[in-house]
Amino acid sequence: MPLTAFLLVIVAGLIHALWNIAAKKAGGDVRFAGLTALIMAIIWAPVGLYVGWDIVPTWGAVEWFFICVSGALHVLYFIVLLRGYRKADLTVVYPLARGSGPLLSSSIAILFLNEHLSVLGGFGIVAVVAGVFLIAGGTRLIQSLCHSAAQSDQQLRVKKGVFYGLFTGVFIAAYTVLDGYAVKVLLLSPILVDYFGNFARIVFLAPALLKDSKQTILSWKREWRYALIVGSVSPISYVLVLYAMQTAPLSHVAPAREVSMLFAAIIGGHLLDEGNRIQRILGALCIAAGVIALGNF
C-alpha cells in the first residue's frame, strides 16, 4: 500500500472512531440519521458545489445509479448501526461491524475485482480479525453466544450486539465495494460520491423526519450537539478512505480501516466505561500489527 494511502487510512480511522463515539452517546434513531444528513448537506455545500459545478451536469444514468444505490446502502448501514448502539455496547457492535465489513469487502475484491493479496497482507487481515475478536469479548463472547440456560441482561446485550454488528458489517461491505468501484473504475470524485450520495440519503430519510414533526423537534433538541459532530466530521473520514482506494487495492484499504478500533478501544473504552480495557488494548495492538502489515506490501 502506498505511504500516502496508508496515512489517509490512519487519519480516517481516528475521525471514524470519534464520530461513532458521538453517535453512541446520542442514542438516536432514524431521525438522528436524517438530522446528520441535513447537517452534512448544509456544512459541506461549498465544497460539493465547487468540486461538482462542471462535473455533475455531465453525469449520465450510470453515475446517478451508483450515487443513489450508495445513498440507500449508507442509510441502511447507519440505521442498523444506531439501533445496535441503542441495544448493546459500542465495544461489541463497533468492532464486529468494522471487522466483518472489511473482511467481506476484501474477499469480494479478491474474488471478483482481480485484486491479489500477498502472504504478509494475509497475515495483516488475520491480525485485524483477531484484534476485533478480542475487543468484542474474546472467549467470553463465544460463551455468551453458546450459553443455552437462562441468560443475564448482559449476555442478551452481547447477543444483540453480535447480531447488529454483523448485520452492519454486511452493509459496510456492500457500500465499500460499490463506492470503491465508483472511484476506481468510473473515476468519480470521492468528494462527489459522498456529498451527492448524501442527497439520496436525505430523500430516503425525509419520510421519517416529516412523519412526526414534534418528535423530530424533540430529537433535535436532545441530540443536536452529537448530530453536528457526526454531520461535520464523518464525511472527512470516508472521503479520505475513498481517496486511498484510488491509489491502493480495495482489499488492502478495507482491512486497514480497522485502525479505527485502536482509537475506539482507548478513547471509547474510557469515555463509555465499558470495561475489559486490557483485553481491548491487546486487541488494538493486534489491529495495529495488522495495519502495519497491510501498509508494507
C-alpha atoms as a PDB file:
ATOM      1  CA  MET A   1       0.000   0.000   0.000  1.00  0.00           C
ATOM      2  CA  PRO A   2       1.453   3.437  -0.902  1.00  0.00           C
ATOM      3  CA  LEU A   3       2.508   5.541   2.096  1.00  0.00           C
ATOM      4  CA  THR A   4       0.057   8.306   1.172  1.00  0.00           C
ATOM      5  CA  ALA A   5      -2.883   5.888   1.127  1.00  0.00           C
ATOM      6  CA  PHE A   6      -1.697   4.360   4.400  1.00  0.00           C
ATOM      7  CA  LEU A   7      -1.593   7.757   6.135  1.00  0.00           C
ATOM      8  CA  LEU A   8      -5.016   8.676   4.760  1.00  0.00           C
ATOM      9  CA  VAL A   9      -6.467   5.496   6.267  1.00  0.00           C
ATOM     10  CA  ILE A  10      -4.835   6.184   9.660  1.00  0.00           C
ATOM     11  CA  VAL A  11      -6.283   9.708   9.880  1.00  0.00           C
ATOM     12  CA  ALA A  12      -9.658   8.450   8.659  1.00  0.00           C
ATOM     13  CA  GLY A  13      -9.612   5.777  11.374  1.00  0.00           C
ATOM     14  CA  LEU A  14      -9.187   8.351  14.143  1.00  0.00           C
ATOM     15  CA  ILE A  15     -12.009  10.519  12.796  1.00  0.00           C
ATOM     16  CA  HIS A  16     -14.256   7.488  12.308  1.00  0.00           C
ATOM     17  CA  ALA A  17     -13.805   6.331  15.905  1.00  0.00           C
ATOM     18  CA  LEU A  18     -14.585   9.806  17.239  1.00  0.00           C
ATOM     19  CA  TRP A  19     -17.836  10.259  15.327  1.00  0.00           C
ATOM     20  CA  ASN A  20     -19.021   6.751  16.248  1.00  0.00           C
ATOM     21  CA  ILE A  21     -18.489   7.557  19.925  1.00  0.00           C
ATOM     22  CA  ALA A  22     -20.604  10.692  19.425  1.00  0.00           C
ATOM     23  CA  ALA A  23     -23.315   8.630  17.694  1.00  0.00           C
ATOM     24  CA  LYS A  24     -23.315   6.125  20.552  1.00  0.00           C
ATOM     25  CA  LYS A  25     -23.667   8.870  23.160  1.00  0.00           C
ATOM     26  CA  ALA A  26     -26.540  10.432  21.203  1.00  0.00           C
ATOM     27  CA  GLY A  27     -28.607   7.250  21.436  1.00  0.00           C
ATOM     28  CA  GLY A  28     -30.629   8.425  18.454  1.00  0.00           C
ATOM     29  CA  ASP A  29     -32.752   6.598  15.894  1.00  0.00           C
ATOM     30  CA  VAL A  30     -33.647   7.123  12.242  1.00  0.00           C
ATOM     31  CA  ARG A  31     -34.399  10.794  12.959  1.00  0.00           C
ATOM     32  CA  PHE A  32     -30.833  11.262  14.159  1.00  0.00           C
ATOM     33  CA  ALA A  33     -29.632   9.808  10.852  1.00  0.00           C
ATOM     34  CA  GLY A  34     -31.844  12.257   8.987  1.00  0.00           C
ATOM     35  CA  LEU A  35     -30.655  15.243  11.007  1.00  0.00           C
ATOM     36  CA  THR A  36     -26.989  14.384  10.427  1.00  0.00           C
ATOM     37  CA  ALA A  37     -27.662  14.070   6.679  1.00  0.00           C
ATOM     38  CA  LEU A  38     -29.225  17.548   6.616  1.00  0.00           C
ATOM     39  CA  ILE A  39     -26.260  18.981   8.533  1.00  0.00           C
ATOM     40  CA  MET A  40     -23.831  17.344   6.079  1.00  0.00           C
ATOM     41  CA  ALA A  41     -25.695  18.853   3.127  1.00  0.00           C
ATOM     42  CA  ILE A  42     -25.512  22.365   4.602  1.00  0.00           C
ATOM     43  CA  ILE A  43     -21.984  22.380   6.029  1.00  0.00           C
ATOM     44  CA  TRP A  44     -20.314  20.732   3.035  1.00  0.00           C
ATOM     45  CA  ALA A  45     -22.333  22.577   0.362  1.00  0.00           C
ATOM     46  CA  PRO A  46     -19.475  24.969  -0.608  1.00  0.00           C
ATOM     47  CA  VAL A  47     -17.092  22.059  -1.191  1.00  0.00           C
ATOM     48  CA  GLY A  48     -19.631  19.917  -3.032  1.00  0.00           C
ATOM     49  CA  LEU A  49     -20.723  22.765  -5.312  1.00  0.00           C
ATOM     50  CA  TYR A  50     -17.146  23.882  -6.008  1.00  0.00           C
ATOM     51  CA  VAL A  51     -15.922  20.401  -6.948  1.00  0.00           C
ATOM     52  CA  GLY A  52     -19.060  19.352  -8.809  1.00  0.00           C
ATOM     53  CA  TRP A  53     -20.063  22.549 -10.628  1.00  0.00           C
ATOM     54  CA  ASP A  54     -18.665  21.474 -14.008  1.00  0.00           C
ATOM     55  CA  ILE A  55     -18.680  17.699 -13.426  1.00  0.00           C
ATOM     56  CA  VAL A  56     -22.129  16.753 -12.124  1.00  0.00           C
ATOM     57  CA  PRO A  57     -24.023  18.122 -15.180  1.00  0.00           C
ATOM     58  CA  THR A  58     -22.070  15.625 -17.335  1.00  0.00           C
ATOM     59  CA  TRP A  59     -23.188  12.592 -15.315  1.00  0.00           C
ATOM     60  CA  GLY A  60     -25.392  10.043 -17.001  1.00  0.00           C
ATOM     61  CA  ALA A  61     -27.661   7.277 -15.806  1.00  0.00           C
ATOM     62  CA  VAL A  62     -24.773   5.049 -14.692  1.00  0.00           C
ATOM     63  CA  GLU A  63     -23.236   7.665 -12.412  1.00  0.00           C
ATOM     64  CA  TRP A  64     -26.565   8.597 -10.842  1.00  0.00           C
ATOM     65  CA  PHE A  65     -27.433   4.927 -10.382  1.00  0.00           C
ATOM     66  CA  PHE A  66     -24.267   4.408  -8.313  1.00  0.00           C
ATOM     67  CA  ILE A  67     -24.899   7.589  -6.332  1.00  0.00           C
ATOM     68  CA  CYS A  68     -28.479   6.568  -5.459  1.00  0.00           C
ATOM     69  CA  VAL A  69     -27.616   2.974  -4.553  1.00  0.00           C
ATOM     70  CA  SER A  70     -24.690   4.214  -2.443  1.00  0.00           C
ATOM     71  CA  GLY A  71     -27.043   6.580  -0.616  1.00  0.00           C
ATOM     72  CA  ALA A  72     -29.509   3.770   0.087  1.00  0.00           C
ATOM     73  CA  LEU A  73     -26.786   1.458   1.424  1.00  0.00           C
ATOM     74  CA  HIS A  74     -25.371   4.183   3.666  1.00  0.00           C
ATOM     75  CA  VAL A  75     -28.849   4.871   5.072  1.00  0.00           C
ATOM     76  CA  LEU A  76     -29.398   1.201   5.910  1.00  0.00           C
ATOM     77  CA  TYR A  77     -25.910   0.980   7.409  1.00  0.00           C
ATOM     78  CA  PHE A  78     -26.394   3.988   9.671  1.00  0.00           C
ATOM     79  CA  ILE A  79     -29.893   2.998  10.824  1.00  0.00           C
ATOM     80  CA  VAL A  80     -28.790  -0.541  11.735  1.00  0.00           C
ATOM     81  CA  LEU A  81     -25.661   0.837  13.440  1.00  0.00           C
ATOM     82  CA  LEU A  82     -27.682   3.305  15.536  1.00  0.00           C
ATOM     83  CA  ARG A  83     -30.138   0.594  16.554  1.00  0.00           C
ATOM     84  CA  GLY A  84     -27.226  -1.605  17.595  1.00  0.00           C
ATOM     85  CA  TYR A  85     -25.841   1.216  19.727  1.00  0.00           C
ATOM     86  CA  ARG A  86     -29.213   1.552  21.475  1.00  0.00           C
ATOM     87  CA  LYS A  87     -29.460  -2.188  22.144  1.00  0.00           C
ATOM     88  CA  ALA A  88     -25.847  -3.089  23.004  1.00  0.00           C
ATOM     89  CA  ASP A  89     -22.381  -1.785  23.887  1.00  0.00           C
ATOM     90  CA  LEU A  90     -20.300   0.142  21.372  1.00  0.00           C
ATOM     91  CA  THR A  91     -17.341  -2.112  22.163  1.00  0.00           C
ATOM     92  CA  VAL A  92     -19.286  -5.120  20.853  1.00  0.00           C
ATOM     93  CA  VAL A  93     -21.208  -3.607  17.928  1.00  0.00           C
ATOM     94  CA  TYR A  94     -18.430  -1.401  16.582  1.00  0.00           C
ATOM     95  CA  PRO A  95     -15.592  -3.955  16.349  1.00  0.00           C
ATOM     96  CA  LEU A  96     -17.806  -6.660  14.864  1.00  0.00           C
ATOM     97  CA  ALA A  97     -19.170  -4.236  12.282  1.00  0.00           C
ATOM     98  CA  ARG A  98     -15.727  -2.892  11.452  1.00  0.00           C
ATOM     99  CA  GLY A  99     -14.221  -6.390  11.325  1.00  0.00           C
ATOM    100  CA  SER A 100     -16.840  -8.265   9.319  1.00  0.00           C
ATOM    101  CA  GLY A 101     -17.393  -5.500   6.763  1.00  0.00           C
ATOM    102  CA  PRO A 102     -13.804  -5.198   5.520  1.00  0.00           C
ATOM    103  CA  LEU A 103     -13.347  -8.968   5.607  1.00  0.00           C
ATOM    104  CA  LEU A 104     -16.337  -9.370   3.276  1.00  0.00           C
ATOM    105  CA  SER A 105     -15.357  -6.474   1.007  1.00  0.00           C
ATOM    106  CA  SER A 106     -11.748  -7.686   0.755  1.00  0.00           C
ATOM    107  CA  SER A 107     -12.962 -11.174  -0.160  1.00  0.00           C
ATOM    108  CA  ILE A 108     -15.239  -9.735  -2.860  1.00  0.00           C
ATOM    109  CA  ALA A 109     -12.408  -7.569  -4.215  1.00  0.00           C
ATOM    110  CA  ILE A 110     -10.084 -10.575  -4.442  1.00  0.00           C
ATOM    111  CA  LEU A 111     -12.688 -12.894  -5.967  1.00  0.00           C
ATOM    112  CA  PHE A 112     -14.410 -10.541  -8.409  1.00  0.00           C
ATOM    113  CA  LEU A 113     -12.191  -7.463  -8.956  1.00  0.00           C
ATOM    114  CA  ASN A 114      -8.973  -9.379  -9.759  1.00  0.00           C
ATOM    115  CA  GLU A 115      -7.074  -7.993  -6.768  1.00  0.00           C
ATOM    116  CA  HIS A 116      -4.233 -10.006  -5.215  1.00  0.00           C
ATOM    117  CA  LEU A 117      -3.116 -10.494  -1.630  1.00  0.00           C
ATOM    118  CA  SER A 118       0.407 -11.360  -0.524  1.00  0.00           C
ATOM    119  CA  VAL A 119       1.319 -13.603   2.426  1.00  0.00           C
ATOM    120  CA  LEU A 120       2.112 -10.511   4.520  1.00  0.00           C
ATOM    121  CA  GLY A 121      -1.209  -8.984   3.533  1.00  0.00           C
ATOM    122  CA  GLY A 122      -2.998 -12.179   4.528  1.00  0.00           C
ATOM    123  CA  PHE A 123      -1.267 -12.028   7.907  1.00  0.00           C
ATOM    124  CA  GLY A 124      -2.449  -8.444   8.243  1.00  0.00           C
ATOM    125  CA  ILE A 125      -6.081  -9.394   7.671  1.00  0.00           C
ATOM    126  CA  VAL A 126      -5.834 -12.299  10.154  1.00  0.00           C
ATOM    127  CA  ALA A 127      -4.287  -9.990  12.783  1.00  0.00           C
ATOM    128  CA  VAL A 128      -7.049  -7.415  12.248  1.00  0.00           C
ATOM    129  CA  VAL A 129      -9.770 -10.058  12.636  1.00  0.00           C
ATOM    130  CA  ALA A 130      -8.081 -11.468  15.767  1.00  0.00           C
ATOM    131  CA  GLY A 131      -7.874  -7.997  17.276  1.00  0.00           C
ATOM    132  CA  VAL A 132     -11.529  -7.323  16.558  1.00  0.00           C
ATOM    133  CA  PHE A 133     -12.412 -10.654  18.190  1.00  0.00           C
ATOM    134  CA  LEU A 134     -10.503  -9.740  21.367  1.00  0.00           C
ATOM    135  CA  ILE A 135     -12.068  -6.290  21.584  1.00  0.00           C
ATOM    136  CA  ALA A 136     -15.545  -7.746  21.126  1.00  0.00           C
ATOM    137  CA  GLY A 137     -15.070 -10.024  24.146  1.00  0.00           C
ATOM    138  CA  GLY A 138     -12.830 -12.925  23.083  1.00  0.00           C
ATOM    139  CA  THR A 139     -13.780 -16.319  24.516  1.00  0.00           C
ATOM    140  CA  ARG A 140     -16.461 -14.727  26.686  1.00  0.00           C
ATOM    141  CA  LEU A 141     -18.211 -13.623  23.507  1.00  0.00           C
ATOM    142  CA  ILE A 142     -18.417 -17.257  22.344  1.00  0.00           C
ATOM    143  CA  GLN A 143     -19.506 -18.439  25.807  1.00  0.00           C
ATOM    144  CA  SER A 144     -22.297 -15.874  25.839  1.00  0.00           C
ATOM    145  CA  LEU A 145     -23.454 -16.976  22.416  1.00  0.00           C
ATOM    146  CA  CYS A 146     -23.385 -20.694  23.284  1.00  0.00           C
ATOM    147  CA  HIS A 147     -24.999 -20.369  26.717  1.00  0.00           C
ATOM    148  CA  SER A 148     -28.365 -22.124  26.488  1.00  0.00           C
ATOM    149  CA  ALA A 149     -29.656 -21.598  30.032  1.00  0.00           C
ATOM    150  CA  ALA A 150     -31.395 -18.500  31.357  1.00  0.00           C
ATOM    151  CA  GLN A 151     -29.292 -15.572  30.232  1.00  0.00           C
ATOM    152  CA  SER A 152     -28.425 -12.399  32.056  1.00  0.00           C
ATOM    153  CA  ASP A 153     -29.182  -8.969  30.670  1.00  0.00           C
ATOM    154  CA  GLN A 154     -25.504  -8.582  29.785  1.00  0.00           C
ATOM    155  CA  GLN A 155     -25.470 -11.847  27.807  1.00  0.00           C
ATOM    156  CA  LEU A 156     -28.566 -10.754  25.923  1.00  0.00           C
ATOM    157  CA  ARG A 157     -26.905  -7.414  25.181  1.00  0.00           C
ATOM    158  CA  VAL A 158     -23.878  -9.255  23.829  1.00  0.00           C
ATOM    159  CA  LYS A 159     -26.068 -11.384  21.546  1.00  0.00           C
ATOM    160  CA  LYS A 160     -27.857  -8.314  20.273  1.00  0.00           C
ATOM    161  CA  GLY A 161     -24.509  -6.620  19.775  1.00  0.00           C
ATOM    162  CA  VAL A 162     -23.245  -9.557  17.710  1.00  0.00           C
ATOM    163  CA  PHE A 163     -26.375  -9.558  15.539  1.00  0.00           C
ATOM    164  CA  TYR A 164     -26.369  -5.825  14.864  1.00  0.00           C
ATOM    165  CA  GLY A 165     -22.588  -5.724  14.490  1.00  0.00           C
ATOM    166  CA  LEU A 166     -22.568  -8.441  11.814  1.00  0.00           C
ATOM    167  CA  PHE A 167     -25.662  -7.014  10.124  1.00  0.00           C
ATOM    168  CA  THR A 168     -23.982  -3.611   9.961  1.00  0.00           C
ATOM    169  CA  GLY A 169     -20.882  -5.277   8.541  1.00  0.00           C
ATOM    170  CA  VAL A 170     -22.883  -6.566   5.570  1.00  0.00           C
ATOM    171  CA  PHE A 171     -23.854  -3.015   4.623  1.00  0.00           C
ATOM    172  CA  ILE A 172     -20.289  -1.783   5.192  1.00  0.00           C
ATOM    173  CA  ALA A 173     -19.037  -4.419   2.756  1.00  0.00           C
ATOM    174  CA  ALA A 174     -21.738  -3.519   0.221  1.00  0.00           C
ATOM    175  CA  TYR A 175     -21.123   0.227   0.156  1.00  0.00           C
ATOM    176  CA  THR A 176     -17.335  -0.208   0.314  1.00  0.00           C
ATOM    177  CA  VAL A 177     -17.303  -2.361  -2.827  1.00  0.00           C
ATOM    178  CA  LEU A 178     -19.846  -0.150  -4.619  1.00  0.00           C
ATOM    179  CA  ASP A 179     -18.113   3.139  -3.795  1.00  0.00           C
ATOM    180  CA  GLY A 180     -14.694   1.609  -4.438  1.00  0.00           C
ATOM    181  CA  TYR A 181     -15.846   0.651  -7.942  1.00  0.00           C
ATOM    182  CA  ALA A 182     -17.233   4.159  -8.463  1.00  0.00           C
ATOM    183  CA  VAL A 183     -13.933   5.915  -7.649  1.00  0.00           C
ATOM    184  CA  LYS A 184     -11.553   3.326  -9.152  1.00  0.00           C
ATOM    185  CA  VAL A 185     -13.378   2.258 -12.331  1.00  0.00           C
ATOM    186  CA  LEU A 186     -15.860   5.034 -13.062  1.00  0.00           C
ATOM    187  CA  LEU A 187     -13.288   7.582 -11.823  1.00  0.00           C
ATOM    188  CA  LEU A 188     -15.861   9.591  -9.874  1.00  0.00           C
ATOM    189  CA  SER A 189     -14.564  12.127  -7.386  1.00  0.00           C
ATOM    190  CA  PRO A 190     -14.641  10.749  -3.810  1.00  0.00           C
ATOM    191  CA  ILE A 191     -15.976  14.096  -2.624  1.00  0.00           C
ATOM    192  CA  LEU A 192     -18.864  13.980  -5.092  1.00  0.00           C
ATOM    193  CA  VAL A 193     -19.658  10.327  -4.357  1.00  0.00           C
ATOM    194  CA  ASP A 194     -20.081  11.134  -0.686  1.00  0.00           C
ATOM    195  CA  TYR A 195     -21.700  14.563  -0.980  1.00  0.00           C
ATOM    196  CA  PHE A 196     -24.312  13.788  -3.645  1.00  0.00           C
ATOM    197  CA  GLY A 197     -24.886  10.351  -2.147  1.00  0.00           C
ATOM    198  CA  ASN A 198     -25.927  12.283   0.942  1.00  0.00           C
ATOM    199  CA  PHE A 199     -28.786  13.902  -1.014  1.00  0.00           C
ATOM    200  CA  ALA A 200     -30.030  10.416  -1.806  1.00  0.00           C
ATOM    201  CA  ARG A 201     -29.862   9.679   1.918  1.00  0.00           C
ATOM    202  CA  ILE A 202     -31.955  12.762   2.660  1.00  0.00           C
ATOM    203  CA  VAL A 203     -34.634  11.605   0.223  1.00  0.00           C
ATOM    204  CA  PHE A 204     -34.796   8.172   1.865  1.00  0.00           C
ATOM    205  CA  LEU A 205     -34.871   9.639   5.381  1.00  0.00           C
ATOM    206  CA  ALA A 206     -37.274  12.534   4.758  1.00  0.00           C
ATOM    207  CA  PRO A 207     -40.452  10.499   5.494  1.00  0.00           C
ATOM    208  CA  ALA A 208     -39.159   9.632   8.965  1.00  0.00           C
ATOM    209  CA  LEU A 209     -38.410  13.291   9.693  1.00  0.00           C
ATOM    210  CA  LEU A 210     -41.769  14.545   8.414  1.00  0.00           C
ATOM    211  CA  LYS A 211     -43.997  11.760   9.764  1.00  0.00           C
ATOM    212  CA  ASP A 212     -43.913  13.064  13.329  1.00  0.00           C
ATOM    213  CA  SER A 213     -42.570  16.614  13.281  1.00  0.00           C
ATOM    214  CA  LYS A 214     -42.956  17.055  17.047  1.00  0.00           C
ATOM    215  CA  GLN A 215     -40.785  14.015  17.735  1.00  0.00           C
ATOM    216  CA  THR A 216     -38.252  15.250  15.187  1.00  0.00           C
ATOM    217  CA  ILE A 217     -38.049  18.585  17.007  1.00  0.00           C
ATOM    218  CA  LEU A 218     -37.574  16.797  20.331  1.00  0.00           C
ATOM    219  CA  SER A 219     -34.843  14.655  18.812  1.00  0.00           C
ATOM    220  CA  TRP A 220     -33.101  17.785  17.534  1.00  0.00           C
ATOM    221  CA  LYS A 221     -33.214  19.426  20.975  1.00  0.00           C
ATOM    222  CA  ARG A 222     -31.755  16.322  22.640  1.00  0.00           C
ATOM    223  CA  GLU A 223     -29.203  15.299  20.036  1.00  0.00           C
ATOM    224  CA  TRP A 224     -28.191  18.367  18.022  1.00  0.00           C
ATOM    225  CA  ARG A 225     -24.683  18.549  19.503  1.00  0.00           C
ATOM    226  CA  TYR A 226     -23.919  14.956  18.543  1.00  0.00           C
ATOM    227  CA  ALA A 227     -25.623  15.355  15.159  1.00  0.00           C
ATOM    228  CA  LEU A 228     -23.429  18.384  14.496  1.00  0.00           C
ATOM    229  CA  ILE A 229     -20.291  16.389  15.286  1.00  0.00           C
ATOM    230  CA  VAL A 230     -21.291  13.443  13.099  1.00  0.00           C
ATOM    231  CA  GLY A 231     -22.530  15.612  10.242  1.00  0.00           C
ATOM    232  CA  SER A 232     -19.403  17.772  10.296  1.00  0.00           C
ATOM    233  CA  VAL A 233     -16.616  15.196  10.512  1.00  0.00           C
ATOM    234  CA  SER A 234     -17.927  11.839   9.258  1.00  0.00           C
ATOM    235  CA  PRO A 235     -17.668  12.869   5.568  1.00  0.00           C
ATOM    236  CA  ILE A 236     -13.979  13.632   6.081  1.00  0.00           C
ATOM    237  CA  SER A 237     -13.169  10.113   7.254  1.00  0.00           C
ATOM    238  CA  TYR A 238     -14.963   8.418   4.385  1.00  0.00           C
ATOM    239  CA  VAL A 239     -13.689  10.743   1.653  1.00  0.00           C
ATOM    240  CA  LEU A 240     -10.123  10.088   2.860  1.00  0.00           C
ATOM    241  CA  VAL A 241     -10.774   6.348   2.549  1.00  0.00           C
ATOM    242  CA  LEU A 242     -12.163   6.770  -0.979  1.00  0.00           C
ATOM    243  CA  TYR A 243      -9.065   8.730  -1.982  1.00  0.00           C
ATOM    244  CA  ALA A 244      -6.927   5.925  -0.545  1.00  0.00           C
ATOM    245  CA  MET A 245      -8.885   3.444  -2.697  1.00  0.00           C
ATOM    246  CA  GLN A 246      -7.873   5.360  -5.809  1.00  0.00           C
ATOM    247  CA  THR A 247      -4.189   4.558  -5.239  1.00  0.00           C
ATOM    248  CA  ALA A 248      -4.315   1.268  -3.318  1.00  0.00           C
ATOM    249  CA  PRO A 249      -6.239  -2.011  -3.760  1.00  0.00           C
ATOM    250  CA  LEU A 250      -9.610  -2.148  -2.034  1.00  0.00           C
ATOM    251  CA  SER A 251      -8.599  -5.471  -0.444  1.00  0.00           C
ATOM    252  CA  HIS A 252      -5.778  -3.596   1.342  1.00  0.00           C
ATOM    253  CA  VAL A 253      -7.616  -0.405   2.267  1.00  0.00           C
ATOM    254  CA  ALA A 254     -10.744  -2.058   3.692  1.00  0.00           C
ATOM    255  CA  PRO A 255      -8.968  -4.083   6.440  1.00  0.00           C
ATOM    256  CA  ALA A 256      -6.559  -1.231   7.175  1.00  0.00           C
ATOM    257  CA  ARG A 257      -9.546   0.927   8.138  1.00  0.00           C
ATOM    258  CA  GLU A 258      -9.730  -1.203  11.291  1.00  0.00           C
ATOM    259  CA  VAL A 259      -7.098   1.044  12.824  1.00  0.00           C
ATOM    260  CA  SER A 260     -10.178   2.943  13.996  1.00  0.00           C
ATOM    261  CA  MET A 261     -10.574   0.203  16.609  1.00  0.00           C
ATOM    262  CA  LEU A 262      -7.218   1.204  18.074  1.00  0.00           C
ATOM    263  CA  PHE A 263      -8.639   4.639  18.798  1.00  0.00           C
ATOM    264  CA  ALA A 264     -12.091   3.364  19.795  1.00  0.00           C
ATOM    265  CA  ALA A 265     -10.573   0.935  22.324  1.00  0.00           C
ATOM    266  CA  ILE A 266      -8.534   3.647  24.012  1.00  0.00           C
ATOM    267  CA  ILE A 267     -10.858   6.659  23.724  1.00  0.00           C
ATOM    268  CA  GLY A 268     -14.267   4.978  23.690  1.00  0.00           C
ATOM    269  CA  GLY A 269     -13.481   2.488  26.444  1.00  0.00           C
ATOM    270  CA  HIS A 270     -12.540   5.365  28.729  1.00  0.00           C
ATOM    271  CA  LEU A 271     -15.430   7.682  27.853  1.00  0.00           C
ATOM    272  CA  LEU A 272     -18.126   4.981  27.875  1.00  0.00           C
ATOM    273  CA  ASP A 273     -16.648   2.937  30.754  1.00  0.00           C
ATOM    274  CA  GLU A 274     -17.477  -0.454  29.211  1.00  0.00           C
ATOM    275  CA  GLY A 275     -14.697  -2.421  30.947  1.00  0.00           C
ATOM    276  CA  ASN A 276     -12.219  -5.137  29.810  1.00  0.00           C
ATOM    277  CA  ARG A 277      -9.630  -2.498  28.959  1.00  0.00           C
ATOM    278  CA  ILE A 278      -6.564  -4.788  28.997  1.00  0.00           C
ATOM    279  CA  GLN A 279      -8.173  -7.208  26.564  1.00  0.00           C
ATOM    280  CA  ARG A 280      -9.275  -4.318  24.359  1.00  0.00           C
ATOM    281  CA  ILE A 281      -5.751  -2.890  24.326  1.00  0.00           C
ATOM    282  CA  LEU A 282      -4.347  -6.296  23.323  1.00  0.00           C
ATOM    283  CA  GLY A 283      -6.921  -6.431  20.560  1.00  0.00           C
ATOM    284  CA  ALA A 284      -5.984  -2.923  19.480  1.00  0.00           C
ATOM    285  CA  LEU A 285      -2.309  -3.961  19.309  1.00  0.00           C
ATOM    286  CA  CYS A 286      -3.246  -6.888  17.065  1.00  0.00           C
ATOM    287  CA  ILE A 287      -5.103  -4.490  14.825  1.00  0.00           C
ATOM    288  CA  ALA A 288      -2.113  -2.132  14.772  1.00  0.00           C
ATOM    289  CA  ALA A 289       0.169  -5.026  13.752  1.00  0.00           C
ATOM    290  CA  GLY A 290      -2.262  -5.995  11.022  1.00  0.00           C
ATOM    291  CA  VAL A 291      -2.439  -2.446   9.719  1.00  0.00           C
ATOM    292  CA  ILE A 292       1.370  -2.212   9.635  1.00  0.00           C
ATOM    293  CA  ALA A 293       1.489  -5.472   7.652  1.00  0.00           C
ATOM    294  CA  LEU A 294      -1.090  -4.166   5.197  1.00  0.00           C
ATOM    295  CA  GLY A 295       0.811  -0.910   4.853  1.00  0.00           C
ATOM    296  CA  ASN A 296       4.053  -2.627   3.864  1.00  0.00           C
ATOM    297  CA  PHE A 297       3.117  -4.812   0.936  1.00  0.00           C
END
